[in-house]
Every structure is written in structure tokens, then in C-alpha cells.
Amino acid sequence: MDESRSQDSVTYRCTFDVVWCPKYRRPVLAGDIDTRLKEIIRQVCASKDAPILALETMPDRVHLPVVCDPKYGIHRLVKAIKVVQAAPAPGVRHAAVAAPNTVD
């Protein structure tokens, strides 16, 4: 996306390369988790009017080139994505919560 965007009195082209990974880069982003994460990222970016240039997930990291309004700020976009993706999906319990206590 090489086109500039504009608002009231500003023309801008702010493309950010956002990369994040799970703790200790554990390979946990696969299967249903990968699908749900991509869905969440697309929904949040669409709601914040932040076009995604590409979205790539590997088992140990997420790479998200995105265009973001400088007035809104990339930090707010990333925070919005992380807040939504940290919440469990409806009807899904966290594995640590669902596992019974086996300590004797």
C-alpha cells in the first residue's frame, strides 16, 4: 500500500511492522489458536480502520505489517489486539483452569 491517507489537514503514510511472540517463544500458535488469532487481528484492525498489508503467523511469532493513523497511535492498536486476544473465546476454558489438581 503505497498510497497516502489524509485527514482534516494532514496527509500521512504510516506503515508499521509489528512482531510479537509468546513467552519464551514457545511454539503454541498452531491449529485452532492460529485461526482464532488471525480472526481477532482482522476484526480489531477493521474496527480501528487500520488496513493490514499482510498477516503471517508462525508457531512462535506473529508478523503484522499494518497502516495506522498517527493520531490514534500504533501502541493503542497493538493494545486493542492484545486485550481482545487475551480474553478466552466464548465457551472455551483455559487449559490450566480446566485441568484437575493432581498434586497429592
N, C-alpha and C. Protein backbone atom coordinates (compact mmCIF):
# COMPACT_ATOMS: atom_id res chain seq x y z
N MET A 1 0.85 -1.17 0.00
CA MET A 1 0.00 0.00 0.00
C MET A 1 0.89 1.23 0.00
N ASP A 2 1.06 1.82 -1.16
CA ASP A 2 1.91 3.00 -1.28
C ASP A 2 1.12 4.29 -1.27
N GLU A 3 -0.17 4.19 -1.17
CA GLU A 3 -0.99 5.40 -1.21
C GLU A 3 -0.99 6.12 0.13
N SER A 4 -1.09 7.41 0.06
CA SER A 4 -1.17 8.23 1.26
C SER A 4 -2.61 8.33 1.71
N ARG A 5 -2.80 8.51 2.99
CA ARG A 5 -4.13 8.71 3.55
C ARG A 5 -4.17 10.12 4.10
N SER A 6 -5.36 10.67 4.22
CA SER A 6 -5.44 12.04 4.72
C SER A 6 -6.61 12.20 5.68
N GLN A 7 -6.44 13.18 6.55
CA GLN A 7 -7.48 13.60 7.47
C GLN A 7 -7.66 15.09 7.29
N ASP A 8 -8.21 15.77 8.26
CA ASP A 8 -8.53 17.19 8.16
C ASP A 8 -7.45 18.02 7.46
N SER A 9 -6.31 18.13 8.07
CA SER A 9 -5.25 18.96 7.49
C SER A 9 -3.93 18.21 7.38
N VAL A 10 -4.00 16.87 7.43
CA VAL A 10 -2.79 16.06 7.46
C VAL A 10 -2.86 14.98 6.39
N THR A 11 -1.75 14.78 5.71
CA THR A 11 -1.61 13.64 4.81
C THR A 11 -0.49 12.78 5.37
N TYR A 12 -0.72 11.48 5.44
CA TYR A 12 0.26 10.60 6.08
C TYR A 12 0.33 9.24 5.37
N ARG A 13 1.44 8.56 5.62
CA ARG A 13 1.62 7.18 5.20
C ARG A 13 2.46 6.51 6.28
N CYS A 14 1.80 6.01 7.28
CA CYS A 14 2.46 5.39 8.43
C CYS A 14 2.25 3.88 8.37
N THR A 15 3.28 3.18 7.96
CA THR A 15 3.23 1.72 7.90
C THR A 15 4.13 1.19 9.01
N PHE A 16 3.57 0.34 9.84
CA PHE A 16 4.31 -0.22 10.96
C PHE A 16 4.47 -1.72 10.77
N ASP A 17 5.60 -2.22 11.20
CA ASP A 17 5.90 -3.65 11.15
C ASP A 17 5.83 -4.16 12.59
N VAL A 18 4.74 -4.79 12.96
CA VAL A 18 4.53 -5.24 14.34
C VAL A 18 4.85 -6.74 14.41
N VAL A 19 5.72 -7.11 15.35
CA VAL A 19 6.07 -8.51 15.55
C VAL A 19 5.99 -8.79 17.04
N TRP A 20 5.31 -9.86 17.42
CA TRP A 20 5.32 -10.28 18.82
C TRP A 20 5.31 -11.79 18.90
N CYS A 21 5.70 -12.30 20.06
CA CYS A 21 5.81 -13.75 20.22
C CYS A 21 5.36 -14.15 21.62
N PRO A 22 4.98 -15.42 21.77
CA PRO A 22 4.59 -15.92 23.10
C PRO A 22 5.81 -15.96 24.03
N LYS A 23 5.53 -16.07 25.30
CA LYS A 23 6.59 -16.12 26.29
C LYS A 23 7.55 -17.26 25.98
N TYR A 24 8.82 -16.98 26.03
CA TYR A 24 9.90 -17.93 25.74
C TYR A 24 9.81 -18.48 24.31
N ARG A 25 9.08 -17.80 23.44
CA ARG A 25 8.89 -18.21 22.04
C ARG A 25 8.45 -19.66 21.91
N ARG A 26 7.58 -20.06 22.80
CA ARG A 26 7.03 -21.42 22.72
C ARG A 26 6.19 -21.55 21.47
N PRO A 27 6.29 -22.67 20.76
CA PRO A 27 5.52 -22.85 19.51
C PRO A 27 4.06 -23.24 19.79
N VAL A 28 3.25 -22.27 20.16
CA VAL A 28 1.86 -22.55 20.52
C VAL A 28 0.84 -22.02 19.52
N LEU A 29 1.29 -21.24 18.54
CA LEU A 29 0.37 -20.63 17.58
C LEU A 29 0.14 -21.55 16.39
N ALA A 30 -0.68 -22.56 16.59
CA ALA A 30 -0.97 -23.52 15.52
C ALA A 30 -2.42 -23.98 15.63
N GLY A 31 -2.95 -24.51 14.55
CA GLY A 31 -4.30 -25.09 14.56
C GLY A 31 -5.39 -24.07 14.84
N ASP A 32 -6.26 -24.38 15.80
CA ASP A 32 -7.39 -23.52 16.15
C ASP A 32 -6.94 -22.19 16.74
N ILE A 33 -5.83 -22.21 17.47
CA ILE A 33 -5.33 -20.97 18.06
C ILE A 33 -4.90 -20.00 16.96
N ASP A 34 -4.22 -20.52 15.96
CA ASP A 34 -3.77 -19.70 14.83
C ASP A 34 -4.96 -19.09 14.09
N THR A 35 -5.97 -19.90 13.83
CA THR A 35 -7.17 -19.44 13.13
C THR A 35 -7.89 -18.36 13.93
N ARG A 36 -8.08 -18.59 15.22
CA ARG A 36 -8.77 -17.63 16.08
C ARG A 36 -7.98 -16.32 16.20
N LEU A 37 -6.66 -16.42 16.32
CA LEU A 37 -5.82 -15.23 16.43
C LEU A 37 -5.91 -14.36 15.18
N LYS A 38 -5.84 -14.97 14.02
CA LYS A 38 -5.96 -14.23 12.76
C LYS A 38 -7.32 -13.55 12.65
N GLU A 39 -8.36 -14.25 13.07
CA GLU A 39 -9.72 -13.70 13.04
C GLU A 39 -9.82 -12.46 13.95
N ILE A 40 -9.26 -12.57 15.14
CA ILE A 40 -9.28 -11.46 16.10
C ILE A 40 -8.51 -10.26 15.56
N ILE A 41 -7.32 -10.50 15.02
CA ILE A 41 -6.50 -9.40 14.49
C ILE A 41 -7.22 -8.70 13.35
N ARG A 42 -7.84 -9.46 12.47
CA ARG A 42 -8.57 -8.85 11.35
C ARG A 42 -9.76 -8.02 11.83
N GLN A 43 -10.48 -8.54 12.83
CA GLN A 43 -11.64 -7.82 13.36
C GLN A 43 -11.23 -6.51 14.02
N VAL A 44 -10.20 -6.55 14.85
CA VAL A 44 -9.76 -5.35 15.56
C VAL A 44 -9.23 -4.32 14.59
N CYS A 45 -8.42 -4.75 13.63
CA CYS A 45 -7.86 -3.80 12.65
C CYS A 45 -8.96 -3.19 11.79
N ALA A 46 -9.96 -3.97 11.45
CA ALA A 46 -11.08 -3.43 10.67
C ALA A 46 -11.86 -2.40 11.49
N SER A 47 -12.06 -2.68 12.77
CA SER A 47 -12.82 -1.75 13.61
C SER A 47 -12.05 -0.45 13.87
N LYS A 48 -10.72 -0.50 13.82
CA LYS A 48 -9.89 0.69 14.08
C LYS A 48 -9.45 1.36 12.78
N ASP A 49 -9.97 0.92 11.64
CA ASP A 49 -9.62 1.47 10.33
C ASP A 49 -8.11 1.43 10.11
N ALA A 50 -7.52 0.25 10.35
CA ALA A 50 -6.08 0.04 10.16
C ALA A 50 -5.90 -1.10 9.17
N PRO A 51 -5.70 -0.77 7.89
CA PRO A 51 -5.56 -1.83 6.88
C PRO A 51 -4.34 -2.71 7.13
N ILE A 52 -4.56 -4.01 7.01
CA ILE A 52 -3.48 -4.99 7.18
C ILE A 52 -2.83 -5.19 5.82
N LEU A 53 -1.52 -5.04 5.75
CA LEU A 53 -0.81 -5.26 4.50
C LEU A 53 -0.53 -6.74 4.29
N ALA A 54 -0.22 -7.44 5.37
CA ALA A 54 0.00 -8.89 5.34
C ALA A 54 -0.14 -9.37 6.78
N LEU A 55 -0.52 -10.62 6.94
CA LEU A 55 -0.63 -11.19 8.28
C LEU A 55 -0.03 -12.58 8.22
N GLU A 56 1.05 -12.77 8.94
CA GLU A 56 1.74 -14.05 8.93
C GLU A 56 1.92 -14.53 10.36
N THR A 57 1.50 -15.74 10.61
CA THR A 57 1.72 -16.33 11.93
C THR A 57 2.56 -17.58 11.75
N MET A 58 3.54 -17.73 12.59
CA MET A 58 4.35 -18.93 12.67
C MET A 58 4.10 -19.52 14.05
N PRO A 59 4.49 -20.75 14.29
CA PRO A 59 4.21 -21.34 15.61
C PRO A 59 4.76 -20.53 16.79
N ASP A 60 5.80 -19.71 16.56
CA ASP A 60 6.41 -18.99 17.68
C ASP A 60 6.35 -17.47 17.56
N ARG A 61 5.66 -16.91 16.54
CA ARG A 61 5.57 -15.45 16.44
C ARG A 61 4.49 -15.02 15.46
N VAL A 62 4.13 -13.74 15.56
CA VAL A 62 3.15 -13.12 14.67
C VAL A 62 3.84 -11.93 14.01
N HIS A 63 3.67 -11.81 12.70
CA HIS A 63 4.23 -10.68 11.95
C HIS A 63 3.07 -9.96 11.29
N LEU A 64 2.92 -8.67 11.60
CA LEU A 64 1.78 -7.90 11.14
C LEU A 64 2.21 -6.54 10.59
N PRO A 65 2.41 -6.41 9.28
CA PRO A 65 2.60 -5.09 8.70
C PRO A 65 1.23 -4.41 8.57
N VAL A 66 1.09 -3.23 9.14
CA VAL A 66 -0.21 -2.58 9.21
C VAL A 66 -0.05 -1.07 9.03
N VAL A 67 -1.08 -0.45 8.45
CA VAL A 67 -1.11 1.01 8.31
C VAL A 67 -1.97 1.54 9.46
N CYS A 68 -1.42 2.53 10.19
CA CYS A 68 -2.14 3.04 11.35
C CYS A 68 -2.16 4.56 11.33
N ASP A 69 -3.26 5.12 11.72
CA ASP A 69 -3.44 6.56 11.83
C ASP A 69 -2.49 7.09 12.91
N PRO A 70 -1.65 8.08 12.59
CA PRO A 70 -0.72 8.59 13.60
C PRO A 70 -1.42 9.26 14.78
N LYS A 71 -2.63 9.75 14.57
CA LYS A 71 -3.37 10.37 15.66
C LYS A 71 -3.83 9.31 16.66
N TYR A 72 -4.18 8.12 16.16
CA TYR A 72 -4.61 7.02 17.03
C TYR A 72 -3.40 6.37 17.70
N GLY A 73 -2.37 6.10 16.96
CA GLY A 73 -1.13 5.55 17.52
C GLY A 73 -1.06 4.04 17.43
N ILE A 74 0.09 3.55 17.04
CA ILE A 74 0.29 2.11 16.90
C ILE A 74 0.20 1.41 18.25
N HIS A 75 0.61 2.09 19.31
CA HIS A 75 0.55 1.47 20.64
C HIS A 75 -0.88 1.16 21.05
N ARG A 76 -1.82 2.01 20.67
CA ARG A 76 -3.23 1.75 21.01
C ARG A 76 -3.78 0.59 20.18
N LEU A 77 -3.37 0.49 18.93
CA LEU A 77 -3.82 -0.61 18.08
C LEU A 77 -3.32 -1.95 18.62
N VAL A 78 -2.04 -2.01 18.96
CA VAL A 78 -1.47 -3.25 19.50
C VAL A 78 -2.13 -3.61 20.82
N LYS A 79 -2.37 -2.61 21.67
CA LYS A 79 -3.04 -2.87 22.95
C LYS A 79 -4.44 -3.42 22.72
N ALA A 80 -5.18 -2.85 21.77
CA ALA A 80 -6.53 -3.33 21.48
C ALA A 80 -6.50 -4.78 21.00
N ILE A 81 -5.54 -5.13 20.16
CA ILE A 81 -5.42 -6.51 19.68
C ILE A 81 -5.10 -7.43 20.84
N LYS A 82 -4.15 -7.06 21.67
CA LYS A 82 -3.74 -7.93 22.77
C LYS A 82 -4.81 -8.09 23.83
N VAL A 83 -5.57 -7.03 24.09
CA VAL A 83 -6.66 -7.13 25.08
C VAL A 83 -7.72 -8.12 24.60
N VAL A 84 -8.09 -8.03 23.33
CA VAL A 84 -9.12 -8.92 22.80
C VAL A 84 -8.61 -10.35 22.70
N GLN A 85 -7.38 -10.55 22.24
CA GLN A 85 -6.89 -11.91 22.07
C GLN A 85 -6.55 -12.58 23.39
N ALA A 86 -6.35 -11.82 24.45
CA ALA A 86 -6.04 -12.41 25.75
C ALA A 86 -7.28 -12.99 26.42
N ALA A 87 -8.45 -12.48 26.07
CA ALA A 87 -9.69 -12.99 26.64
C ALA A 87 -10.03 -14.34 26.01
N PRO A 88 -10.48 -15.29 26.79
CA PRO A 88 -10.83 -16.60 26.22
C PRO A 88 -12.05 -16.50 25.31
N ALA A 89 -12.09 -17.35 24.31
CA ALA A 89 -13.24 -17.41 23.41
C ALA A 89 -14.45 -17.90 24.19
N PRO A 90 -15.65 -17.49 23.79
CA PRO A 90 -16.85 -17.95 24.50
C PRO A 90 -16.94 -19.48 24.51
N GLY A 91 -17.15 -20.03 25.69
CA GLY A 91 -17.31 -21.47 25.82
C GLY A 91 -15.99 -22.24 25.91
N VAL A 92 -14.85 -21.54 25.91
CA VAL A 92 -13.56 -22.20 25.98
C VAL A 92 -12.90 -21.84 27.30
N ARG A 93 -12.47 -22.86 28.01
CA ARG A 93 -11.77 -22.62 29.27
C ARG A 93 -10.28 -22.76 29.04
N HIS A 94 -9.52 -22.00 29.78
CA HIS A 94 -8.07 -22.08 29.69
C HIS A 94 -7.62 -23.47 30.15
N ALA A 95 -6.60 -24.03 29.52
CA ALA A 95 -6.13 -25.38 29.83
C ALA A 95 -5.73 -25.52 31.29
N ALA A 96 -5.09 -24.51 31.85
CA ALA A 96 -4.66 -24.58 33.24
C ALA A 96 -5.84 -24.57 34.19
N VAL A 97 -6.92 -23.91 33.82
CA VAL A 97 -8.11 -23.85 34.66
C VAL A 97 -8.89 -25.16 34.57
N ALA A 98 -8.94 -25.74 33.37
CA ALA A 98 -9.73 -26.94 33.15
C ALA A 98 -9.07 -28.20 33.71
N ALA A 99 -7.76 -28.17 33.89
CA ALA A 99 -7.06 -29.36 34.37
C ALA A 99 -7.31 -29.55 35.87
N PRO A 100 -7.59 -30.77 36.27
CA PRO A 100 -7.82 -31.02 37.70
C PRO A 100 -6.50 -30.94 38.47
N ASN A 101 -6.60 -30.66 39.75
CA ASN A 101 -5.43 -30.59 40.61
C ASN A 101 -4.97 -32.00 40.91
N THR A 102 -3.75 -32.34 40.48
CA THR A 102 -3.24 -33.71 40.67
C THR A 102 -2.17 -33.79 41.72
N VAL A 103 -1.93 -32.71 42.46
CA VAL A 103 -0.90 -32.71 43.49
C VAL A 103 -1.46 -33.41 44.72
N ASP A 104 -0.71 -34.38 45.24
CA ASP A 104 -1.12 -35.13 46.43
C ASP A 104 -0.52 -34.57 47.68
